[in-house]
Amino acid sequence: MKDHKTKDRPGLHKRVINVLIHVLLAVLAIIWLLPILWIVLTSFRAEPGAYTSTFLPQGYTINNYVKLLTDHNVLDFPRMFANTLIISVFSCAISTVFMLSVAYSLSRMRFGLRRPYMNLAMILGLFPGFMTMVAQYFILKSMGLTEGSAIRIGLIVVYSACAGLGFQISKGFMDTIPRSIDEAAIMDGATQWQVFTRIILPLSKPIVIYTIMMSFMAPWVDFIFAKVLCRANASQFTVAIGLWNMLQKEYIYQWYTCFAAGAVLISIPIAALFLYVQKFYVEGMSGAVKG
């Protein structure tokens, strides 16, 4: 009997630990989900203003979404949404091409300045991007990209131009792909471009998806540089600037619940992109595991 009880104790101890871990994870999940639930409930809240005494709204309405999408006299949210979508889509496409091309070059090729460039990129990555904001602004101003519709082009240029410095993660993934695959393809007559597009990219599908998502999200949520470049050009505001304006003291009472509605709406493109590319990410990971 003693031996039997002794054998059961490790199993009981393991079950207790598993229960505690699951309880901890459940608590963390609740803490993570509460702000999301609160912003969704606030977006349907009937009473205006920023301050309420209860977590749950006293009444529900869809007028916050209606006002957000139809009231263009003060804050033109649909225009801001369109500006941000255009900037994010073009920045995502250009940044993805730049980042993956640099990652492939540094991973598979050998040239004179390869090591100095990697060291320089690592050093520059230690400094926050907004340190160069003033210089970037005056460079764009000299190019005529700080007024009118050219602001969108300026933002796309800034978000895309520095993408080549963010190659580390993509390069690390490509380094795991055997070089013998490249050598076999080149012996069969393939060019470097064909190796890159037809062999490396399909094998790097998970990191390609990751790069696309990060390249899309960066301009979508950026506020600081967009505010610096747009200044008072309301027609070129992005959603981040629009949501920030809704919290100003002259707007917060009437627009606070619309701010919550806007926060919900801007999460839709990111969620849709993630859901669309998730299947490719999973397929790529399963293919990598099988390989």
Protein backbone atom coordinates (compact mmCIF):
# COMPACT_ATOMS: atom_id res chain seq x y z
CA MET A 1 0.00 0.00 0.00
CA LYS A 2 2.80 2.42 0.83
CA ASP A 3 4.46 1.76 -2.49
CA HIS A 4 1.16 2.36 -4.29
CA LYS A 5 0.63 5.69 -2.50
CA THR A 6 4.22 6.69 -3.21
CA LYS A 7 3.70 6.07 -6.91
CA ASP A 8 0.48 8.12 -6.94
CA ARG A 9 2.07 11.21 -5.38
CA PRO A 10 4.06 12.31 -8.47
CA GLY A 11 0.94 11.98 -10.60
CA LEU A 12 -1.13 14.00 -8.11
CA HIS A 13 1.58 16.64 -7.86
CA LYS A 14 1.67 16.94 -11.65
CA ARG A 15 -2.12 17.32 -11.86
CA VAL A 16 -2.07 20.06 -9.21
CA ILE A 17 0.61 21.94 -11.13
CA ASN A 18 -1.39 21.61 -14.37
CA VAL A 19 -4.52 22.96 -12.67
CA LEU A 20 -2.60 25.94 -11.26
CA ILE A 21 -1.06 26.68 -14.66
CA HIS A 22 -4.47 26.57 -16.36
CA VAL A 23 -5.97 28.84 -13.70
CA LEU A 24 -3.12 31.31 -14.17
CA LEU A 25 -3.55 31.24 -17.96
CA ALA A 26 -7.30 31.76 -17.59
CA VAL A 27 -6.74 34.79 -15.35
CA LEU A 28 -4.22 36.25 -17.81
CA ALA A 29 -6.65 35.65 -20.68
CA ILE A 30 -9.42 37.49 -18.82
CA ILE A 31 -7.10 40.40 -18.08
CA TRP A 32 -6.13 40.52 -21.77
CA LEU A 33 -9.72 40.33 -23.00
CA LEU A 34 -11.23 42.89 -20.60
CA PRO A 35 -9.95 46.01 -22.43
CA ILE A 36 -11.20 44.61 -25.75
CA LEU A 37 -14.61 43.85 -24.26
CA TRP A 38 -14.73 47.31 -22.69
CA ILE A 39 -13.93 49.15 -25.94
CA VAL A 40 -16.56 47.12 -27.84
CA LEU A 41 -19.22 47.80 -25.20
CA THR A 42 -18.29 51.49 -25.10
CA SER A 43 -18.67 51.73 -28.86
CA PHE A 44 -22.36 50.81 -28.42
CA ARG A 45 -22.91 52.93 -25.30
CA ALA A 46 -25.88 55.28 -25.49
CA GLU A 47 -24.82 57.84 -22.88
CA PRO A 48 -22.20 60.37 -24.10
CA GLY A 49 -19.05 61.51 -22.33
CA ALA A 50 -15.86 59.85 -21.24
CA TYR A 51 -16.62 59.09 -17.60
CA THR A 52 -19.17 56.60 -16.30
CA SER A 53 -19.61 54.97 -12.92
CA THR A 54 -20.29 51.46 -14.26
CA PHE A 55 -18.38 49.02 -16.47
CA LEU A 56 -21.47 48.01 -18.45
CA PRO A 57 -23.33 50.69 -20.43
CA GLN A 58 -26.79 51.73 -19.22
CA GLY A 59 -28.11 51.68 -22.79
CA TYR A 60 -26.99 50.51 -26.21
CA THR A 61 -27.17 52.15 -29.64
CA ILE A 62 -25.55 52.00 -33.07
CA ASN A 63 -25.70 55.78 -33.44
CA ASN A 64 -22.03 56.02 -32.52
CA TYR A 65 -21.09 54.13 -35.68
CA VAL A 66 -23.60 56.08 -37.75
CA LYS A 67 -22.23 59.40 -36.53
CA LEU A 68 -18.65 58.28 -37.05
CA LEU A 69 -19.28 57.31 -40.66
CA THR A 70 -21.68 60.09 -41.68
CA ASP A 71 -20.70 63.23 -39.73
CA HIS A 72 -18.01 64.84 -41.91
CA ASN A 73 -18.31 68.38 -40.57
CA VAL A 74 -15.85 68.03 -37.68
CA LEU A 75 -13.89 64.78 -38.12
CA ASP A 76 -14.09 63.03 -41.49
CA PHE A 77 -13.37 59.48 -40.34
CA PRO A 78 -14.10 57.72 -43.67
CA ARG A 79 -11.53 59.94 -45.41
CA MET A 80 -8.99 59.26 -42.66
CA PHE A 81 -9.68 55.54 -42.97
CA ALA A 82 -9.16 55.68 -46.75
CA ASN A 83 -5.91 57.67 -46.35
CA THR A 84 -4.55 55.14 -43.86
CA LEU A 85 -5.58 52.17 -45.98
CA ILE A 86 -3.89 53.58 -49.10
CA ILE A 87 -0.69 54.39 -47.20
CA SER A 88 -0.63 51.00 -45.46
CA VAL A 89 -1.24 48.94 -48.61
CA PHE A 90 1.46 50.66 -50.67
CA SER A 91 3.92 50.74 -47.76
CA CYS A 92 3.28 47.05 -47.08
CA ALA A 93 3.95 46.06 -50.70
CA ILE A 94 7.15 48.12 -51.02
CA SER A 95 8.48 47.29 -47.56
CA THR A 96 7.92 43.56 -48.04
CA VAL A 97 9.86 43.56 -51.31
CA PHE A 98 12.71 45.59 -49.80
CA MET A 99 12.96 43.57 -46.61
CA LEU A 100 12.85 40.13 -48.23
CA SER A 101 15.29 41.16 -50.97
CA VAL A 102 17.82 42.47 -48.44
CA ALA A 103 17.35 39.38 -46.26
CA TYR A 104 17.96 37.06 -49.24
CA SER A 105 21.03 39.01 -50.36
CA LEU A 106 22.61 38.90 -46.90
CA SER A 107 21.67 35.28 -46.31
CA ARG A 108 22.66 33.67 -49.61
CA MET A 109 25.25 36.01 -51.18
CA ARG A 110 28.75 37.01 -50.16
CA PHE A 111 30.12 40.46 -51.05
CA GLY A 112 32.57 42.99 -49.70
CA LEU A 113 30.37 45.23 -47.56
CA ARG A 114 28.07 42.51 -46.30
CA ARG A 115 29.43 42.35 -42.76
CA PRO A 116 29.82 46.14 -42.30
CA TYR A 117 26.26 46.67 -43.52
CA MET A 118 24.88 44.13 -41.06
CA ASN A 119 26.81 45.74 -38.20
CA LEU A 120 25.69 49.22 -39.24
CA ALA A 121 22.06 48.09 -39.48
CA MET A 122 22.26 46.58 -36.00
CA ILE A 123 23.70 49.81 -34.56
CA LEU A 124 21.10 51.99 -36.27
CA GLY A 125 18.36 49.69 -35.01
CA LEU A 126 19.32 50.55 -31.44
CA PHE A 127 18.16 54.16 -31.91
CA PRO A 128 14.44 55.03 -31.94
CA GLY A 129 13.12 56.12 -35.31
CA PHE A 130 11.73 59.44 -34.12
CA MET A 131 15.29 60.74 -33.54
CA THR A 132 15.55 61.32 -37.30
CA MET A 133 12.06 62.75 -37.63
CA VAL A 134 13.11 66.39 -38.00
CA ALA A 135 15.68 65.53 -40.66
CA GLN A 136 13.16 63.39 -42.53
CA TYR A 137 10.61 66.17 -42.44
CA PHE A 138 12.95 68.74 -43.99
CA ILE A 139 14.12 66.27 -46.63
CA LEU A 140 10.50 65.60 -47.60
CA LYS A 141 9.77 69.33 -47.51
CA SER A 142 12.60 70.00 -49.98
CA MET A 143 11.02 67.38 -52.25
CA GLY A 144 7.56 68.97 -52.01
CA LEU A 145 6.04 66.03 -50.13
CA THR A 146 4.66 67.88 -47.11
CA GLU A 147 1.64 69.61 -48.63
CA GLY A 148 -1.70 68.40 -49.99
CA SER A 149 -2.08 64.91 -51.37
CA ALA A 150 1.72 64.59 -51.64
CA ILE A 151 1.74 63.95 -47.88
CA ARG A 152 0.53 60.41 -48.53
CA ILE A 153 3.47 59.84 -50.88
CA GLY A 154 5.82 61.25 -48.24
CA LEU A 155 4.49 58.88 -45.61
CA ILE A 156 4.80 55.91 -47.97
CA VAL A 157 8.41 56.90 -48.75
CA VAL A 158 9.33 57.13 -45.06
CA TYR A 159 7.60 53.90 -44.03
CA SER A 160 9.16 52.01 -46.96
CA ALA A 161 12.64 53.49 -47.16
CA CYS A 162 13.89 52.10 -43.85
CA ALA A 163 12.45 48.61 -44.40
CA GLY A 164 15.82 47.28 -45.54
CA LEU A 165 17.18 47.69 -42.01
CA GLY A 166 14.64 45.24 -40.59
CA PHE A 167 16.07 42.18 -42.29
CA GLN A 168 17.29 40.30 -39.20
CA ILE A 169 14.28 38.05 -38.61
CA SER A 170 13.81 37.20 -42.30
CA LYS A 171 17.52 36.57 -42.77
CA GLY A 172 17.61 34.31 -39.72
CA PHE A 173 14.80 32.21 -41.17
CA MET A 174 16.43 31.99 -44.62
CA ASP A 175 19.70 30.92 -43.02
CA THR A 176 17.96 27.71 -41.90
CA ILE A 177 17.25 26.69 -45.51
CA PRO A 178 20.08 24.44 -46.79
CA ARG A 179 22.34 26.14 -49.34
CA SER A 180 22.56 22.87 -51.25
CA ILE A 181 19.09 23.65 -52.64
CA ASP A 182 20.39 26.90 -54.16
CA GLU A 183 23.48 25.22 -55.56
CA ALA A 184 21.44 22.46 -57.19
CA ALA A 185 19.10 25.01 -58.80
CA ILE A 186 22.01 27.12 -60.08
CA MET A 187 23.67 24.02 -61.55
CA ASP A 188 20.41 23.36 -63.40
CA GLY A 189 20.62 26.85 -64.94
CA ALA A 190 18.50 28.91 -62.55
CA THR A 191 19.36 32.56 -61.97
CA GLN A 192 19.56 34.21 -58.56
CA TRP A 193 16.15 35.81 -59.20
CA GLN A 194 14.62 32.42 -59.98
CA VAL A 195 16.20 30.89 -56.89
CA PHE A 196 14.82 33.77 -54.81
CA THR A 197 11.27 33.77 -56.20
CA ARG A 198 10.71 30.10 -56.97
CA ILE A 199 12.64 28.33 -54.23
CA ILE A 200 13.49 30.52 -51.24
CA LEU A 201 10.24 32.48 -51.00
CA PRO A 202 7.96 29.40 -51.16
CA LEU A 203 10.10 27.72 -48.49
CA SER A 204 10.02 30.93 -46.41
CA LYS A 205 6.25 31.32 -46.49
CA PRO A 206 5.85 31.79 -42.70
CA ILE A 207 8.36 34.64 -42.59
CA VAL A 208 6.87 36.18 -45.74
CA ILE A 209 3.47 36.26 -44.04
CA TYR A 210 5.03 37.71 -40.89
CA THR A 211 6.75 40.41 -42.94
CA ILE A 212 3.53 41.33 -44.73
CA MET A 213 1.62 41.66 -41.46
CA MET A 214 4.28 43.76 -39.74
CA SER A 215 4.71 45.96 -42.81
CA PHE A 216 0.97 46.60 -42.91
CA MET A 217 0.52 47.23 -39.19
CA ALA A 218 3.40 49.71 -38.79
CA PRO A 219 1.88 52.55 -40.89
CA TRP A 220 -1.64 51.58 -39.83
CA VAL A 221 -1.00 52.35 -36.16
CA ASP A 222 1.68 55.04 -36.46
CA PHE A 223 0.81 58.39 -34.92
CA ILE A 224 3.96 60.41 -34.23
CA PHE A 225 5.39 60.84 -37.72
CA ALA A 226 1.96 61.03 -39.35
CA LYS A 227 1.11 63.92 -37.01
CA VAL A 228 4.39 65.69 -37.76
CA LEU A 229 3.96 65.42 -41.51
CA CYS A 230 0.22 66.10 -41.72
CA ARG A 231 0.26 69.01 -39.25
CA ALA A 232 -3.01 70.91 -39.86
CA ASN A 233 -3.84 69.29 -43.21
CA ALA A 234 -7.11 67.71 -42.04
CA SER A 235 -7.82 66.16 -45.44
CA GLN A 236 -4.68 64.01 -45.10
CA PHE A 237 -5.18 62.86 -41.51
CA THR A 238 -4.79 59.15 -40.74
CA VAL A 239 -7.02 57.22 -38.36
CA ALA A 240 -4.48 57.51 -35.55
CA ILE A 241 -4.63 61.31 -35.76
CA GLY A 242 -8.42 61.24 -36.04
CA LEU A 243 -8.82 59.09 -32.94
CA TRP A 244 -6.40 61.31 -31.05
CA ASN A 245 -8.43 64.40 -32.01
CA MET A 246 -11.59 62.76 -30.67
CA LEU A 247 -10.01 62.79 -27.21
CA GLN A 248 -9.27 66.52 -27.25
CA LYS A 249 -11.20 68.53 -24.67
CA GLU A 250 -13.38 70.29 -27.26
CA TYR A 251 -14.51 66.97 -28.78
CA ILE A 252 -14.29 64.35 -26.04
CA TYR A 253 -17.83 64.72 -24.68
CA GLN A 254 -19.57 64.26 -28.03
CA TRP A 255 -17.01 62.00 -29.70
CA TYR A 256 -15.74 59.69 -26.96
CA THR A 257 -18.09 56.81 -27.81
CA CYS A 258 -17.33 57.44 -31.49
CA PHE A 259 -13.67 57.09 -30.57
CA ALA A 260 -14.47 53.61 -29.23
CA ALA A 261 -16.39 52.81 -32.41
CA GLY A 262 -13.43 53.98 -34.48
CA ALA A 263 -11.07 51.82 -32.44
CA VAL A 264 -13.24 48.81 -33.26
CA LEU A 265 -13.40 49.66 -36.96
CA ILE A 266 -9.66 50.11 -37.41
CA SER A 267 -9.09 46.64 -35.95
CA ILE A 268 -11.15 45.06 -38.74
CA PRO A 269 -8.54 45.34 -41.57
CA ILE A 270 -5.80 43.92 -39.33
CA ALA A 271 -8.05 41.08 -38.16
CA ALA A 272 -9.16 40.37 -41.74
CA LEU A 273 -5.55 40.33 -42.96
CA PHE A 274 -4.53 37.98 -40.16
CA LEU A 275 -7.42 35.60 -40.79
CA TYR A 276 -6.70 35.58 -44.52
CA VAL A 277 -2.98 34.89 -44.26
CA GLN A 278 -3.19 32.56 -41.26
CA LYS A 279 -3.92 29.52 -43.43
CA PHE A 280 -0.84 30.23 -45.55
CA TYR A 281 1.22 30.66 -42.40
CA VAL A 282 0.03 27.31 -41.00
CA GLU A 283 0.60 25.58 -44.35
CA GLY A 284 4.08 27.02 -44.53
CA MET A 285 4.95 25.90 -41.03
CA SER A 286 3.65 22.37 -41.65
CA GLY A 287 5.64 22.22 -44.88
CA ALA A 288 8.77 23.39 -43.08
CA VAL A 289 8.29 20.73 -40.39
CA LYS A 290 7.84 18.00 -43.01
CA GLY A 291 10.91 19.22 -44.89
